Every structure is written in C-alpha cells, then in structure tokens.
Amino acid sequence: MSDDQPTTSNAQTVYGRHLRQRRNAANLSADDLGAIGHCSGSLVYQIERGERRPAWSFTRAVDTRFGGDGLLCDLHDLIDNENPIHPKWFGDLLRAEPRATRIRLFEPQALPGLLQTESYARALISGMRPVNASVDELVAGRMARQRLLFRQVPPQMWALIDEPVLLRLAKMDPAVVKEQLEHLIGVAEHSHIVLQVLPITATVHAAMNGSFLLMTLPEGEVGYIESVTTGQLISEASGVSEVERRYDLAKADALSPGRTVNHLRKLLENPDEHCI
C-alpha cells in the first residue's frame, strides 16, 4: 500500500455502515449529507464504504444533524484509537487546546496551525510526506482545529511569529502567498487575536531554542514544547515560568501589533521586499 492511501479499520467500517443507515433513514442523498459535512457526495460514499476516514468536522456536523446522540462521535474515537493520525503526544495538545481561554505561542519555522489557510497547510503537509495519514486527512484536521478561534466565546490568542517564517512564505506559490497574507491581515482585525512579528534584526533573542506554546486552562497555566518526534505538556510551575519568561523576552523584541499588520500589508503588495 502506498503512503497516501487511506487505511481501513474495523471501527471505520462500522462508522460507515451507521452513517449510511442514518442517511437513508433521513432520506438524504450523499450530496445532501456532503453539504452538511462540508465535503463532496463522492467522499460521503467513500466514508460509508469504509474507504476513507472522516474528518472530525464532518463527524460533528452530521452527528448534530442526526440528533446529536453522540454515536458517530464515539465511533470516531474508536477509529482514532485503532489507527491514530497523530502520535499520542500531539493528541495531548489537541485535547487541551479547545479548553484554553488564552493561547500564547512562538513559531520560528512555519505559521501557527491555527492561523494557516488550507492551501498553505496543504503545501506544508505535502512537503513533510506523511506516512500515517493522507494529506487530505491531515489538512482537514488542521482546518477543524481553527473553529475554536471563532466560536461564541473564543480564547484570547497572541501569536509571535519569527520573520523568517514570512520570508519562506514569500517564496511560495503566489496564490498561496496572497491568500495567506490576506488571511493573517483579516484575523488580526479580531479583538481576541494579536499578531506580532519578531524581526530578523533581533539577531539574538530568548526564543532561539524553537517553538513553544502557553495555554491558560481551567486548572491553570500549562506550556507545550515539541520536536520532530515528541511533544510535551508542561504543568510544573518552574517549567511554565521559564517558558513564560522566554516568551515575554522575545515579545519585547517584536514589532508592535500595528507595525506587524503594516508589514504584512507591504508584503502583500510586494512579496519581493522581504525584510523589515
């Protein structure tokens, strides 16, 4: 089996059977259900046959349409347990993230997943050549995560982005560049989302060890750090304090939110003029 072929699990087959039964009972066509779940009718058929894994956004949407009894969500959990798309350590982040009332992060390599457009996410994920899931599945999962930023009571988000991230973005396909920059400028207009760029002129700064994230959860503040093969939630006070210290120091070297948006607008007008 090639890497990009979706795998089939027993839970996936059961999920598909229940989905088809419920669709037929509701007298809905595959296209009707696809419109509800934001996908094509042909993909609905593939999910029903157990050939494709459903996205969580699809499962939640159709579960609500069918009365919200949670059966499809429970089956989706079983699919994840049998054949996880993400390693367990990343699952820890995905479970904590929706519970956060505040998210602060620093990204030195790519734009934060919560702020990526679909085309930008697809380019990044394709470049990583995933082996445990298809590019479509991973992109759908990343897009589904972003709903938390636009729910009725969203978390406050403060994203600190290293300027080399924008330099790499500027070299991508022009359509991807335009869409992504317009998206960043647009989300920065929301009062609960603050963007700041750490300019390349800050040649030495406190966040040079890599990306990290801070979340305010009901039980307190936690940090999160990861590498290529592992990630870790940090709840010990000393560890969280050190992550916060580095974040605050790096933020002190960053452009103001207003200057950041102005720079994004200039980059949108002329992607060849990179540096601040």
C-alpha atoms as a PDB file:
ATOM      1  CA  MET A   1       0.000   0.000   0.000  1.00  0.00           C
ATOM      2  CA  SER A   2       1.350   3.429  -0.911  1.00  0.00           C
ATOM      3  CA  ASP A   3       1.766   6.044   1.799  1.00  0.00           C
ATOM      4  CA  ASP A   4      -1.068   8.236   0.602  1.00  0.00           C
ATOM      5  CA  GLN A   5      -3.703   5.510   0.543  1.00  0.00           C
ATOM      6  CA  PRO A   6      -6.152   5.704   3.453  1.00  0.00           C
ATOM      7  CA  THR A   7      -6.176   2.725   5.790  1.00  0.00           C
ATOM      8  CA  THR A   8      -9.343   0.908   6.852  1.00  0.00           C
ATOM      9  CA  SER A   9     -10.104  -0.104  10.431  1.00  0.00           C
ATOM     10  CA  ASN A  10     -12.961  -2.163  11.869  1.00  0.00           C
ATOM     11  CA  ALA A  11     -14.347   0.934  13.580  1.00  0.00           C
ATOM     12  CA  GLN A  12     -14.137   2.787  10.281  1.00  0.00           C
ATOM     13  CA  THR A  13     -16.282   0.114   8.620  1.00  0.00           C
ATOM     14  CA  VAL A  14     -18.850   0.216  11.432  1.00  0.00           C
ATOM     15  CA  TYR A  15     -18.879   4.020  11.283  1.00  0.00           C
ATOM     16  CA  GLY A  16     -19.582   3.899   7.552  1.00  0.00           C
ATOM     17  CA  ARG A  17     -22.414   1.408   7.977  1.00  0.00           C
ATOM     18  CA  HIS A  18     -24.140   3.523  10.637  1.00  0.00           C
ATOM     19  CA  LEU A  19     -23.639   6.662   8.569  1.00  0.00           C
ATOM     20  CA  ARG A  20     -25.303   5.074   5.547  1.00  0.00           C
ATOM     21  CA  GLN A  21     -28.204   3.749   7.651  1.00  0.00           C
ATOM     22  CA  ARG A  22     -28.834   7.154   9.177  1.00  0.00           C
ATOM     23  CA  ARG A  23     -28.554   8.955   5.856  1.00  0.00           C
ATOM     24  CA  ASN A  24     -31.061   6.596   4.257  1.00  0.00           C
ATOM     25  CA  ALA A  25     -33.429   6.860   7.239  1.00  0.00           C
ATOM     26  CA  ALA A  26     -33.326  10.651   6.920  1.00  0.00           C
ATOM     27  CA  ASN A  27     -33.975  10.388   3.167  1.00  0.00           C
ATOM     28  CA  LEU A  28     -30.823  12.368   2.385  1.00  0.00           C
ATOM     29  CA  SER A  29     -28.649  11.967  -0.683  1.00  0.00           C
ATOM     30  CA  ALA A  30     -24.885  11.719  -0.398  1.00  0.00           C
ATOM     31  CA  ASP A  31     -24.674  15.249  -1.789  1.00  0.00           C
ATOM     32  CA  ASP A  32     -27.134  16.448   0.870  1.00  0.00           C
ATOM     33  CA  LEU A  33     -25.001  14.966   3.630  1.00  0.00           C
ATOM     34  CA  GLY A  34     -21.853  16.293   1.992  1.00  0.00           C
ATOM     35  CA  ALA A  35     -23.288  19.811   2.117  1.00  0.00           C
ATOM     36  CA  ILE A  36     -23.942  19.370   5.838  1.00  0.00           C
ATOM     37  CA  GLY A  37     -20.455  17.979   6.452  1.00  0.00           C
ATOM     38  CA  HIS A  38     -18.686  20.388   4.063  1.00  0.00           C
ATOM     39  CA  CYS A  39     -17.411  17.733   1.660  1.00  0.00           C
ATOM     40  CA  SER A  40     -18.399  16.142  -1.638  1.00  0.00           C
ATOM     41  CA  GLY A  41     -21.028  13.469  -2.092  1.00  0.00           C
ATOM     42  CA  SER A  42     -18.394  11.136  -3.514  1.00  0.00           C
ATOM     43  CA  LEU A  43     -16.391  11.449  -0.294  1.00  0.00           C
ATOM     44  CA  VAL A  44     -19.530  10.574   1.694  1.00  0.00           C
ATOM     45  CA  TYR A  45     -19.832   7.365  -0.331  1.00  0.00           C
ATOM     46  CA  GLN A  46     -16.176   6.542   0.341  1.00  0.00           C
ATOM     47  CA  ILE A  47     -16.669   7.096   4.076  1.00  0.00           C
ATOM     48  CA  GLU A  48     -19.758   4.884   4.036  1.00  0.00           C
ATOM     49  CA  ARG A  49     -17.798   2.093   2.357  1.00  0.00           C
ATOM     50  CA  GLY A  50     -15.054   2.406   4.970  1.00  0.00           C
ATOM     51  CA  GLU A  51     -12.542   3.513   2.354  1.00  0.00           C
ATOM     52  CA  ARG A  52     -11.898   6.989   3.736  1.00  0.00           C
ATOM     53  CA  ARG A  53     -11.511   8.251   7.245  1.00  0.00           C
ATOM     54  CA  PRO A  54     -13.988  11.003   8.226  1.00  0.00           C
ATOM     55  CA  ALA A  55     -12.730  14.361   9.429  1.00  0.00           C
ATOM     56  CA  TRP A  56     -13.816  15.390  12.912  1.00  0.00           C
ATOM     57  CA  SER A  57     -15.531  18.455  11.466  1.00  0.00           C
ATOM     58  CA  PHE A  58     -17.640  16.119   9.303  1.00  0.00           C
ATOM     59  CA  THR A  59     -18.486  13.824  12.222  1.00  0.00           C
ATOM     60  CA  ARG A  60     -19.606  16.659  14.487  1.00  0.00           C
ATOM     61  CA  ALA A  61     -21.729  18.242  11.756  1.00  0.00           C
ATOM     62  CA  VAL A  62     -23.565  15.066  10.750  1.00  0.00           C
ATOM     63  CA  ASP A  63     -23.945  13.921  14.372  1.00  0.00           C
ATOM     64  CA  THR A  64     -25.764  17.188  15.080  1.00  0.00           C
ATOM     65  CA  ARG A  65     -27.957  16.685  12.000  1.00  0.00           C
ATOM     66  CA  PHE A  66     -28.911  13.200  13.175  1.00  0.00           C
ATOM     67  CA  GLY A  67     -29.981  14.307  16.635  1.00  0.00           C
ATOM     68  CA  GLY A  68     -26.690  14.655  18.472  1.00  0.00           C
ATOM     69  CA  ASP A  69     -26.795  11.304  20.282  1.00  0.00           C
ATOM     70  CA  GLY A  70     -23.003  11.032  20.021  1.00  0.00           C
ATOM     71  CA  LEU A  71     -22.868   7.593  18.389  1.00  0.00           C
ATOM     72  CA  LEU A  72     -20.838   8.727  15.394  1.00  0.00           C
ATOM     73  CA  CYS A  73     -18.519  10.695  17.690  1.00  0.00           C
ATOM     74  CA  ASP A  74     -17.977   7.580  19.806  1.00  0.00           C
ATOM     75  CA  LEU A  75     -17.202   5.559  16.681  1.00  0.00           C
ATOM     76  CA  HIS A  76     -14.812   8.273  15.519  1.00  0.00           C
ATOM     77  CA  ASP A  77     -12.978   7.961  18.849  1.00  0.00           C
ATOM     78  CA  LEU A  78     -12.632   4.230  18.183  1.00  0.00           C
ATOM     79  CA  ILE A  79     -11.227   4.953  14.725  1.00  0.00           C
ATOM     80  CA  ASP A  80      -8.642   7.249  16.285  1.00  0.00           C
ATOM     81  CA  ASN A  81      -7.727   4.614  18.874  1.00  0.00           C
ATOM     82  CA  GLU A  82      -7.320   1.883  16.260  1.00  0.00           C
ATOM     83  CA  ASN A  83      -5.397   3.933  13.748  1.00  0.00           C
ATOM     84  CA  PRO A  84      -4.343   7.331  15.128  1.00  0.00           C
ATOM     85  CA  ILE A  85      -3.479  10.063  12.636  1.00  0.00           C
ATOM     86  CA  HIS A  86      -1.386  11.868  15.208  1.00  0.00           C
ATOM     87  CA  PRO A  87       1.028  10.436  17.772  1.00  0.00           C
ATOM     88  CA  LYS A  88      -0.225  10.305  21.358  1.00  0.00           C
ATOM     89  CA  TRP A  89       1.875  13.265  22.445  1.00  0.00           C
ATOM     90  CA  PHE A  90       0.209  15.515  19.874  1.00  0.00           C
ATOM     91  CA  GLY A  91      -3.172  14.208  20.929  1.00  0.00           C
ATOM     92  CA  ASP A  92      -2.458  15.626  24.389  1.00  0.00           C
ATOM     93  CA  LEU A  93      -2.240  19.093  22.831  1.00  0.00           C
ATOM     94  CA  LEU A  94      -5.362  18.592  20.720  1.00  0.00           C
ATOM     95  CA  ARG A  95      -7.374  17.654  23.806  1.00  0.00           C
ATOM     96  CA  ALA A  96      -6.106  20.612  25.834  1.00  0.00           C
ATOM     97  CA  GLU A  97      -6.359  23.270  23.113  1.00  0.00           C
ATOM     98  CA  PRO A  98     -10.184  23.580  22.971  1.00  0.00           C
ATOM     99  CA  ARG A  99     -10.274  24.105  26.744  1.00  0.00           C
ATOM    100  CA  ALA A 100      -7.921  27.079  26.684  1.00  0.00           C
ATOM    101  CA  THR A 101      -9.170  30.574  27.462  1.00  0.00           C
ATOM    102  CA  ARG A 102      -5.854  32.080  26.352  1.00  0.00           C
ATOM    103  CA  ILE A 103      -3.207  30.823  23.923  1.00  0.00           C
ATOM    104  CA  ARG A 104       0.234  32.389  23.547  1.00  0.00           C
ATOM    105  CA  LEU A 105       2.769  30.940  21.149  1.00  0.00           C
ATOM    106  CA  PHE A 106       6.022  31.458  19.309  1.00  0.00           C
ATOM    107  CA  GLU A 107       6.690  29.943  15.880  1.00  0.00           C
ATOM    108  CA  PRO A 108      10.127  30.168  14.223  1.00  0.00           C
ATOM    109  CA  GLN A 109       9.604  27.819  11.252  1.00  0.00           C
ATOM    110  CA  ALA A 110       6.031  27.996   9.954  1.00  0.00           C
ATOM    111  CA  LEU A 111       2.869  29.935  10.631  1.00  0.00           C
ATOM    112  CA  PRO A 112       0.828  28.602  13.564  1.00  0.00           C
ATOM    113  CA  GLY A 113      -1.559  25.836  12.541  1.00  0.00           C
ATOM    114  CA  LEU A 114      -4.481  27.810  13.956  1.00  0.00           C
ATOM    115  CA  LEU A 115      -3.757  30.644  11.500  1.00  0.00           C
ATOM    116  CA  GLN A 116      -2.958  28.698   8.334  1.00  0.00           C
ATOM    117  CA  THR A 117      -5.066  28.780   5.194  1.00  0.00           C
ATOM    118  CA  GLU A 118      -5.947  25.455   3.633  1.00  0.00           C
ATOM    119  CA  SER A 119      -3.593  25.976   0.679  1.00  0.00           C
ATOM    120  CA  TYR A 120      -0.670  26.921   2.941  1.00  0.00           C
ATOM    121  CA  ALA A 121      -1.362  23.960   5.235  1.00  0.00           C
ATOM    122  CA  ARG A 122      -1.565  21.625   2.248  1.00  0.00           C
ATOM    123  CA  ALA A 123       1.791  22.827   0.937  1.00  0.00           C
ATOM    124  CA  LEU A 124       3.461  22.344   4.328  1.00  0.00           C
ATOM    125  CA  ILE A 125       1.950  18.928   4.987  1.00  0.00           C
ATOM    126  CA  SER A 126       2.710  17.712   1.462  1.00  0.00           C
ATOM    127  CA  GLY A 127       6.321  18.746   1.971  1.00  0.00           C
ATOM    128  CA  MET A 128       6.547  16.554   5.080  1.00  0.00           C
ATOM    129  CA  ARG A 129       5.406  13.477   3.098  1.00  0.00           C
ATOM    130  CA  PRO A 130       3.212  11.982   5.843  1.00  0.00           C
ATOM    131  CA  VAL A 131       3.102   8.205   6.207  1.00  0.00           C
ATOM    132  CA  ASN A 132       0.390   7.615   8.836  1.00  0.00           C
ATOM    133  CA  ALA A 133      -2.430   9.518   7.134  1.00  0.00           C
ATOM    134  CA  SER A 134      -3.271  11.142   3.835  1.00  0.00           C
ATOM    135  CA  VAL A 135      -2.548  14.799   3.184  1.00  0.00           C
ATOM    136  CA  ASP A 136      -6.304  15.403   2.876  1.00  0.00           C
ATOM    137  CA  GLU A 137      -6.952  13.931   6.329  1.00  0.00           C
ATOM    138  CA  LEU A 138      -4.247  15.999   7.983  1.00  0.00           C
ATOM    139  CA  VAL A 139      -5.330  19.203   6.253  1.00  0.00           C
ATOM    140  CA  ALA A 140      -8.954  18.604   7.250  1.00  0.00           C
ATOM    141  CA  GLY A 141      -7.893  18.046  10.849  1.00  0.00           C
ATOM    142  CA  ARG A 142      -5.872  21.241  10.899  1.00  0.00           C
ATOM    143  CA  MET A 143      -8.730  23.270   9.469  1.00  0.00           C
ATOM    144  CA  ALA A 144     -11.149  21.781  12.009  1.00  0.00           C
ATOM    145  CA  ARG A 145      -8.906  22.919  14.872  1.00  0.00           C
ATOM    146  CA  GLN A 146      -9.321  26.531  13.803  1.00  0.00           C
ATOM    147  CA  ARG A 147     -13.019  26.627  14.679  1.00  0.00           C
ATOM    148  CA  LEU A 148     -12.126  27.267  18.310  1.00  0.00           C
ATOM    149  CA  LEU A 149     -10.897  30.749  17.335  1.00  0.00           C
ATOM    150  CA  PHE A 150     -14.334  31.719  16.049  1.00  0.00           C
ATOM    151  CA  ARG A 151     -16.682  30.030  18.492  1.00  0.00           C
ATOM    152  CA  GLN A 152     -19.087  32.131  20.575  1.00  0.00           C
ATOM    153  CA  VAL A 153     -16.530  32.616  23.360  1.00  0.00           C
ATOM    154  CA  PRO A 154     -13.116  32.199  21.691  1.00  0.00           C
ATOM    155  CA  PRO A 155      -9.797  32.084  23.507  1.00  0.00           C
ATOM    156  CA  GLN A 156      -7.550  35.115  23.518  1.00  0.00           C
ATOM    157  CA  MET A 157      -4.679  34.351  21.150  1.00  0.00           C
ATOM    158  CA  TRP A 158      -1.295  36.044  20.994  1.00  0.00           C
ATOM    159  CA  ALA A 159       0.906  34.751  18.184  1.00  0.00           C
ATOM    160  CA  LEU A 160       4.567  35.693  17.999  1.00  0.00           C
ATOM    161  CA  ILE A 161       5.999  34.818  14.579  1.00  0.00           C
ATOM    162  CA  ASP A 162       9.665  34.845  13.608  1.00  0.00           C
ATOM    163  CA  GLU A 163      10.257  36.903  10.455  1.00  0.00           C
ATOM    164  CA  PRO A 164      11.994  34.043   8.559  1.00  0.00           C
ATOM    165  CA  VAL A 165       8.576  32.355   8.509  1.00  0.00           C
ATOM    166  CA  LEU A 166       7.351  35.208   6.307  1.00  0.00           C
ATOM    167  CA  LEU A 167      10.491  35.055   4.164  1.00  0.00           C
ATOM    168  CA  ARG A 168       9.743  31.413   3.365  1.00  0.00           C
ATOM    169  CA  LEU A 169       6.077  32.198   2.767  1.00  0.00           C
ATOM    170  CA  ALA A 170       7.018  34.906   0.244  1.00  0.00           C
ATOM    171  CA  LYS A 171       8.814  32.280  -1.898  1.00  0.00           C
ATOM    172  CA  MET A 172       5.780  30.002  -2.180  1.00  0.00           C
ATOM    173  CA  ASP A 173       3.204  29.918  -4.968  1.00  0.00           C
ATOM    174  CA  PRO A 174       1.892  33.490  -5.462  1.00  0.00           C
ATOM    175  CA  ALA A 175      -1.721  32.411  -4.965  1.00  0.00           C
ATOM    176  CA  VAL A 176      -0.817  30.752  -1.657  1.00  0.00           C
ATOM    177  CA  VAL A 177       1.130  33.843  -0.576  1.00  0.00           C
ATOM    178  CA  LYS A 178      -1.736  36.214  -1.381  1.00  0.00           C
ATOM    179  CA  GLU A 179      -4.394  34.114   0.314  1.00  0.00           C
ATOM    180  CA  GLN A 180      -2.315  33.522   3.436  1.00  0.00           C
ATOM    181  CA  LEU A 181      -1.285  37.152   3.888  1.00  0.00           C
ATOM    182  CA  GLU A 182      -4.856  38.351   3.389  1.00  0.00           C
ATOM    183  CA  HIS A 183      -5.970  35.815   5.977  1.00  0.00           C
ATOM    184  CA  LEU A 184      -3.406  36.991   8.528  1.00  0.00           C
ATOM    185  CA  ILE A 185      -4.388  40.622   7.995  1.00  0.00           C
ATOM    186  CA  GLY A 186      -8.041  39.668   8.354  1.00  0.00           C
ATOM    187  CA  VAL A 187      -7.713  37.660  11.567  1.00  0.00           C
ATOM    188  CA  ALA A 188      -5.603  40.434  13.102  1.00  0.00           C
ATOM    189  CA  GLU A 189      -8.690  42.652  12.940  1.00  0.00           C
ATOM    190  CA  HIS A 190     -10.392  40.480  15.564  1.00  0.00           C
ATOM    191  CA  SER A 191     -10.021  41.830  19.076  1.00  0.00           C
ATOM    192  CA  HIS A 192      -9.143  38.408  20.512  1.00  0.00           C
ATOM    193  CA  ILE A 193      -6.257  37.720  18.095  1.00  0.00           C
ATOM    194  CA  VAL A 194      -2.963  39.610  18.291  1.00  0.00           C
ATOM    195  CA  LEU A 195      -0.098  39.041  15.846  1.00  0.00           C
ATOM    196  CA  GLN A 196       3.466  40.221  16.334  1.00  0.00           C
ATOM    197  CA  VAL A 197       6.477  39.597  14.114  1.00  0.00           C
ATOM    198  CA  LEU A 198       9.890  39.106  15.664  1.00  0.00           C
ATOM    199  CA  PRO A 199      12.142  40.862  13.107  1.00  0.00           C
ATOM    200  CA  ILE A 200      15.248  39.229  11.738  1.00  0.00           C
ATOM    201  CA  THR A 201      17.183  42.219  13.055  1.00  0.00           C
ATOM    202  CA  ALA A 202      16.685  40.706  16.517  1.00  0.00           C
ATOM    203  CA  THR A 203      19.695  38.540  15.754  1.00  0.00           C
ATOM    204  CA  VAL A 204      19.858  37.040  19.244  1.00  0.00           C
ATOM    205  CA  HIS A 205      16.697  36.581  21.307  1.00  0.00           C
ATOM    206  CA  ALA A 206      15.299  34.478  24.144  1.00  0.00           C
ATOM    207  CA  ALA A 207      13.260  32.094  21.965  1.00  0.00           C
ATOM    208  CA  MET A 208      16.016  30.715  19.755  1.00  0.00           C
ATOM    209  CA  ASN A 209      15.604  27.142  21.034  1.00  0.00           C
ATOM    210  CA  GLY A 210      12.444  26.569  18.999  1.00  0.00           C
ATOM    211  CA  SER A 211       8.672  26.826  19.066  1.00  0.00           C
ATOM    212  CA  PHE A 212       6.592  26.752  22.217  1.00  0.00           C
ATOM    213  CA  LEU A 213       3.076  27.415  23.367  1.00  0.00           C
ATOM    214  CA  LEU A 214       1.350  28.549  26.564  1.00  0.00           C
ATOM    215  CA  MET A 215      -2.298  27.816  27.369  1.00  0.00           C
ATOM    216  CA  THR A 216      -4.493  29.074  30.169  1.00  0.00           C
ATOM    217  CA  LEU A 217      -6.718  26.137  31.154  1.00  0.00           C
ATOM    218  CA  PRO A 218      -9.380  25.955  33.888  1.00  0.00           C
ATOM    219  CA  GLU A 219      -6.874  24.181  36.131  1.00  0.00           C
ATOM    220  CA  GLY A 220      -4.082  26.662  35.466  1.00  0.00           C
ATOM    221  CA  GLU A 221      -1.305  27.595  33.066  1.00  0.00           C
ATOM    222  CA  VAL A 222       0.472  24.929  31.013  1.00  0.00           C
ATOM    223  CA  GLY A 223       3.263  25.036  28.460  1.00  0.00           C
ATOM    224  CA  TYR A 224       3.874  22.861  25.429  1.00  0.00           C
ATOM    225  CA  ILE A 225       7.089  22.172  23.541  1.00  0.00           C
ATOM    226  CA  GLU A 226       7.793  19.706  20.751  1.00  0.00           C
ATOM    227  CA  SER A 227      10.429  18.369  18.409  1.00  0.00           C
ATOM    228  CA  VAL A 228      10.166  16.222  15.285  1.00  0.00           C
ATOM    229  CA  THR A 229       9.366  13.022  17.178  1.00  0.00           C
ATOM    230  CA  THR A 230       7.966  14.089  20.534  1.00  0.00           C
ATOM    231  CA  GLY A 231       5.998  16.755  22.354  1.00  0.00           C
ATOM    232  CA  GLN A 232       5.374  17.525  25.995  1.00  0.00           C
ATOM    233  CA  LEU A 233       2.786  19.378  28.029  1.00  0.00           C
ATOM    234  CA  ILE A 234       4.451  21.190  30.929  1.00  0.00           C
ATOM    235  CA  SER A 235       2.414  21.747  34.083  1.00  0.00           C
ATOM    236  CA  GLU A 236       5.155  22.148  36.702  1.00  0.00           C
ATOM    237  CA  ALA A 237       5.288  25.754  37.890  1.00  0.00           C
ATOM    238  CA  SER A 238       9.029  26.115  37.318  1.00  0.00           C
ATOM    239  CA  GLY A 239       8.798  24.845  33.739  1.00  0.00           C
ATOM    240  CA  VAL A 240       5.810  27.020  32.881  1.00  0.00           C
ATOM    241  CA  SER A 241       7.542  30.029  34.429  1.00  0.00           C
ATOM    242  CA  GLU A 242      10.615  29.511  32.242  1.00  0.00           C
ATOM    243  CA  VAL A 243       8.520  29.247  29.067  1.00  0.00           C
ATOM    244  CA  GLU A 244       6.648  32.420  30.053  1.00  0.00           C
ATOM    245  CA  ARG A 245       9.912  34.232  30.757  1.00  0.00           C
ATOM    246  CA  ARG A 246      11.284  33.401  27.322  1.00  0.00           C
ATOM    247  CA  TYR A 247       8.020  34.344  25.659  1.00  0.00           C
ATOM    248  CA  ASP A 248       7.929  37.732  27.386  1.00  0.00           C
ATOM    249  CA  LEU A 249      11.553  38.477  26.499  1.00  0.00           C
ATOM    250  CA  ALA A 250      11.023  37.553  22.840  1.00  0.00           C
ATOM    251  CA  LYS A 251       7.826  39.617  22.685  1.00  0.00           C
ATOM    252  CA  ALA A 252       9.777  42.627  23.935  1.00  0.00           C
ATOM    253  CA  ASP A 253      11.927  42.394  20.776  1.00  0.00           C
ATOM    254  CA  ALA A 254       8.928  42.075  18.434  1.00  0.00           C
ATOM    255  CA  LEU A 255       7.165  44.668  16.318  1.00  0.00           C
ATOM    256  CA  SER A 256       4.009  46.159  17.770  1.00  0.00           C
ATOM    257  CA  PRO A 257       0.727  44.638  16.540  1.00  0.00           C
ATOM    258  CA  GLY A 258       0.099  47.731  14.399  1.00  0.00           C
ATOM    259  CA  ARG A 259       3.531  47.662  12.778  1.00  0.00           C
ATOM    260  CA  THR A 260       3.150  43.932  12.222  1.00  0.00           C
ATOM    261  CA  VAL A 261      -0.066  44.391  10.239  1.00  0.00           C
ATOM    262  CA  ASN A 262       1.508  47.230   8.250  1.00  0.00           C
ATOM    263  CA  HIS A 263       4.408  44.948   7.368  1.00  0.00           C
ATOM    264  CA  LEU A 264       2.010  42.206   6.266  1.00  0.00           C
ATOM    265  CA  ARG A 265       0.220  44.707   4.018  1.00  0.00           C
ATOM    266  CA  LYS A 266       3.507  45.812   2.450  1.00  0.00           C
ATOM    267  CA  LEU A 267       4.479  42.196   1.907  1.00  0.00           C
ATOM    268  CA  LEU A 268       1.117  41.572   0.241  1.00  0.00           C
ATOM    269  CA  GLU A 269       1.713  44.491  -2.125  1.00  0.00           C
ATOM    270  CA  ASN A 270       5.270  43.420  -2.945  1.00  0.00           C
ATOM    271  CA  PRO A 271       6.356  39.952  -1.751  1.00  0.00           C
ATOM    272  CA  ASP A 272       9.867  40.571  -3.134  1.00  0.00           C
ATOM    273  CA  GLU A 273      10.508  43.191  -0.452  1.00  0.00           C
ATOM    274  CA  HIS A 274      11.056  40.811   2.417  1.00  0.00           C
ATOM    275  CA  CYS A 275      12.970  42.208   5.331  1.00  0.00           C
ATOM    276  CA  ILE A 276      11.629  44.718   7.812  1.00  0.00           C
END
